[in-house]
Amino acid sequence: MSTINSIHAMVVAWLGRTDRFLAEVLGRGDRGPLDIAIAGDEFEFRRGGNLVASVPFDRLRVTSWDQQRFDALERRIVATWSIYETLDSADLWSTEADRLRLETQLEIRRRSLSRDFRDLLRLVDLTLGARVSDHFPLRLRERNTRDPRAPSLGSRALSA
C-alpha cells in the first residue's frame, strides 16, 4: 500500500502543479482542477465533482515508472518556472524593443513549460495505464508576441 500512497501523492502534487500552470501561465483556469482520490482499490479522477476516470490498482504499471526522467523533468520545470516568473515581473516600461524581447522570452518559456508538463503527464499516463493527460489542454494557443500591448498572463512561484 505504501507504493500506492507514493504514486497517489506524486500524481496529486504534479496534477495540481499542472492545473496551476494552465490557470496562471496559459490563462485556462475555466476547467477547474482535476481531483484525485483513493476509493477502495482504485484511483478516482474527478473534475467539478464528476467522475472522469478510474484506475484500479491492479492496472498500475509501477515498473514503467522512470524516476530519472521524472527527476529531470521536475528540475527543469521548477527552474523554467522560476525564470518565467522573473521575466514576467520585469519592468515593461522600458523601450519597445525591450518589451518585444521580453514577450519573446516569455513565449519561449511558456512553450518549454508546456512541453515539459506534457512529457511529465505522459510518464503519469504510462504508469497509471490511463490517459490522464487528455484532461489537460497544454497546447499553446497562437498568440501575437509582436504586440507589446497584449496583456500579461501573470504568474506565481511554483512550489512543491
Foldseek 3Di string as FASTA:
>chain_A
DVVVVVLQVVCQLLQVLLLQCCCQAQVNNPFAGWDWDDDPQWIFTDTPNHTDDIFGVVQFPVVLADVVLVVVLVVVLQVLQVVLQVLLPDDCPDDLVVLLVSLVSNVVSLVVNLVSSLVNQVSSCNRRVHNPVVSRPSDHDDDDSSDSVPDHSHHDRRDD
